[in-house]
Amino acid sequence: MSMGGVGETFTDINITPLTDVFLVLLVIMILIAPLIDKSELKIKPPETVYAQKENSRTKTIMIDVDTEGKVALQGKALPSNDEATIQAKLKEVIDKMGVTDIPVTVNADGNCKQKNVVYIMQACSALGIKRMRVATVQQTNYAK
């Protein structure tokens, strides 16, 4: 490339295309960054003011899910929170209770991932459980 003078060559690097590429990548990252945080669905159970207490004579299966996704069945932590493990342990509890039509109560933490509750629902459905509920956090303040 000649620069006006005879025999002179242009030896500098043109960084304009490189700067354009970096600016485009920066704009893409700025647009995508807010979407990364919203990739997980979170459960927000409804809050109740006047909830009825569980009847102690009624047989029910209690399943607890904490924020990290750890599942406990009847107060005993499960080694894994996948659907197959939940279903196997749930079948053991149902067989031990000897009742086929038994309600299941899921106590899900408000910050747990939705997929953990869905695994429990799918395991219950596979075992033919028809009565299931997600328990809500009971408020202690009854003032309006």
Protein backbone atom coordinates (compact mmCIF):
# COMPACT_ATOMS: atom_id res chain seq x y z
CA MET A 1 0.00 0.00 0.00
CA SER A 2 1.36 3.33 -0.97
CA MET A 3 0.89 6.45 1.18
CA GLY A 4 1.29 9.25 -1.28
CA GLY A 5 5.06 9.18 -1.37
CA VAL A 6 6.93 6.96 -3.69
CA GLY A 7 8.24 3.83 -1.97
CA GLU A 8 6.55 4.44 1.40
CA THR A 9 4.53 1.52 2.78
CA PHE A 10 1.84 1.55 5.48
CA THR A 11 3.01 -0.64 8.39
CA ASP A 12 0.47 0.32 11.14
CA ILE A 13 -2.38 -2.03 12.12
CA ASN A 14 -5.92 -0.81 11.51
CA ILE A 15 -7.83 -1.51 14.78
CA THR A 16 -11.20 -0.10 13.72
CA PRO A 17 -12.71 -3.51 12.75
CA LEU A 18 -11.42 -5.03 15.99
CA THR A 19 -13.02 -2.22 18.01
CA ASP A 20 -16.32 -2.74 16.16
CA VAL A 21 -16.33 -6.45 17.03
CA PHE A 22 -15.65 -5.74 20.73
CA LEU A 23 -18.44 -3.17 20.89
CA VAL A 24 -20.92 -5.60 19.32
CA LEU A 25 -19.92 -8.29 21.84
CA LEU A 26 -20.31 -5.80 24.70
CA VAL A 27 -23.83 -4.87 23.56
CA ILE A 28 -24.79 -8.55 23.29
CA MET A 29 -23.52 -9.24 26.82
CA ILE A 30 -25.40 -6.24 28.22
CA LEU A 31 -28.63 -7.49 26.63
CA ILE A 32 -28.21 -11.12 27.75
CA ALA A 33 -27.05 -10.48 31.35
CA PRO A 34 -30.53 -9.77 32.81
CA LEU A 35 -31.93 -12.94 31.22
CA ILE A 36 -29.39 -15.22 32.91
CA ASP A 37 -30.83 -14.53 36.37
CA LYS A 38 -34.38 -15.29 35.21
CA SER A 39 -33.61 -18.76 33.86
CA GLU A 40 -34.89 -20.53 37.01
CA LEU A 41 -38.54 -20.54 37.96
CA LYS A 42 -39.17 -20.03 41.65
CA ILE A 43 -42.17 -21.08 43.66
CA LYS A 44 -44.07 -18.51 45.66
CA PRO A 45 -46.70 -20.35 47.67
CA PRO A 46 -49.78 -18.37 48.65
CA GLU A 47 -49.94 -17.17 52.23
CA THR A 48 -52.96 -17.97 54.34
CA VAL A 49 -54.38 -16.09 57.28
CA TYR A 50 -56.78 -18.71 58.67
CA ALA A 51 -55.44 -22.16 57.85
CA GLN A 52 -56.89 -25.31 59.36
CA LYS A 53 -54.60 -27.60 61.31
CA GLU A 54 -53.97 -31.10 59.99
CA ASN A 55 -56.18 -33.70 61.66
CA SER A 56 -53.86 -35.96 63.63
CA ARG A 57 -56.12 -39.00 63.04
CA THR A 58 -55.90 -38.64 59.25
CA LYS A 59 -53.07 -40.57 57.67
CA THR A 60 -51.03 -38.40 55.36
CA ILE A 61 -47.60 -38.42 53.80
CA MET A 62 -45.48 -35.33 54.45
CA ILE A 63 -42.79 -34.38 51.92
CA ASP A 64 -40.51 -31.42 52.66
CA VAL A 65 -38.37 -29.55 50.11
CA ASP A 66 -35.80 -26.98 51.26
CA THR A 67 -34.09 -24.14 49.41
CA GLU A 68 -31.22 -26.32 48.14
CA GLY A 69 -33.68 -28.89 46.75
CA LYS A 70 -33.11 -31.55 49.41
CA VAL A 71 -36.19 -33.71 49.87
CA ALA A 72 -37.34 -35.28 53.14
CA LEU A 73 -40.08 -37.91 53.25
CA GLN A 74 -41.89 -38.23 56.59
CA GLY A 75 -39.03 -36.29 58.22
CA LYS A 76 -36.25 -38.52 56.83
CA ALA A 77 -33.89 -37.01 54.26
CA LEU A 78 -33.64 -38.81 50.92
CA PRO A 79 -30.20 -39.55 49.43
CA SER A 80 -31.18 -37.99 46.11
CA ASN A 81 -33.90 -35.64 44.87
CA ASP A 82 -34.50 -37.25 41.48
CA GLU A 83 -37.92 -38.60 40.52
CA ALA A 84 -36.96 -42.30 40.64
CA THR A 85 -35.62 -42.09 44.21
CA ILE A 86 -38.65 -40.13 45.41
CA GLN A 87 -41.00 -42.63 43.77
CA ALA A 88 -39.23 -45.66 45.28
CA LYS A 89 -39.20 -44.24 48.81
CA LEU A 90 -42.79 -43.03 48.48
CA LYS A 91 -43.89 -46.54 47.44
CA GLU A 92 -42.14 -47.96 50.53
CA VAL A 93 -44.02 -45.54 52.80
CA ILE A 94 -47.38 -46.29 51.12
CA ASP A 95 -46.80 -50.05 51.46
CA LYS A 96 -45.85 -49.64 55.13
CA MET A 97 -49.00 -47.58 55.87
CA GLY A 98 -51.21 -50.09 54.09
CA VAL A 99 -53.52 -47.42 52.63
CA THR A 100 -53.87 -46.96 48.89
CA ASP A 101 -55.83 -43.69 48.79
CA ILE A 102 -53.61 -41.50 50.97
CA PRO A 103 -53.16 -37.71 50.72
CA VAL A 104 -49.72 -36.20 50.20
CA THR A 105 -48.73 -32.83 51.60
CA VAL A 106 -45.70 -31.09 50.07
CA ASN A 107 -44.09 -28.45 52.26
CA ALA A 108 -42.07 -26.50 49.70
CA ASP A 109 -39.76 -23.68 50.71
CA GLY A 110 -40.64 -20.40 49.00
CA ASN A 111 -37.18 -20.19 47.42
CA CYS A 112 -36.88 -23.76 46.12
CA LYS A 113 -36.78 -24.53 42.42
CA GLN A 114 -39.98 -25.52 40.72
CA LYS A 115 -38.41 -28.64 39.20
CA ASN A 116 -38.04 -30.22 42.67
CA VAL A 117 -41.77 -29.91 43.32
CA VAL A 118 -42.54 -31.17 39.81
CA TYR A 119 -40.43 -34.31 40.48
CA ILE A 120 -42.54 -34.99 43.57
CA MET A 121 -45.78 -34.43 41.64
CA GLN A 122 -44.67 -36.80 38.87
CA ALA A 123 -43.66 -39.48 41.40
CA CYS A 124 -47.05 -39.19 43.13
CA SER A 125 -48.86 -39.36 39.81
CA ALA A 126 -46.94 -42.49 38.78
CA LEU A 127 -48.04 -44.19 42.02
CA GLY A 128 -51.68 -43.25 41.45
CA ILE A 129 -51.96 -40.68 44.24
CA LYS A 130 -54.89 -38.40 43.49
CA ARG A 131 -55.00 -36.19 46.58
CA MET A 132 -52.01 -33.91 46.85
CA ARG A 133 -51.50 -30.39 48.11
CA VAL A 134 -48.69 -27.91 48.53
CA ALA A 135 -48.79 -26.57 52.08
CA THR A 136 -48.59 -22.83 52.62
CA VAL A 137 -46.73 -20.83 55.20
CA GLN A 138 -49.13 -19.85 57.95
CA GLN A 139 -49.00 -16.21 59.05
CA THR A 140 -48.97 -15.44 62.76
CA ASN A 141 -50.30 -11.91 62.32
CA TYR A 142 -54.10 -12.06 62.05
CA ALA A 143 -54.64 -8.29 62.06
CA LYS A 144 -56.10 -6.83 58.89
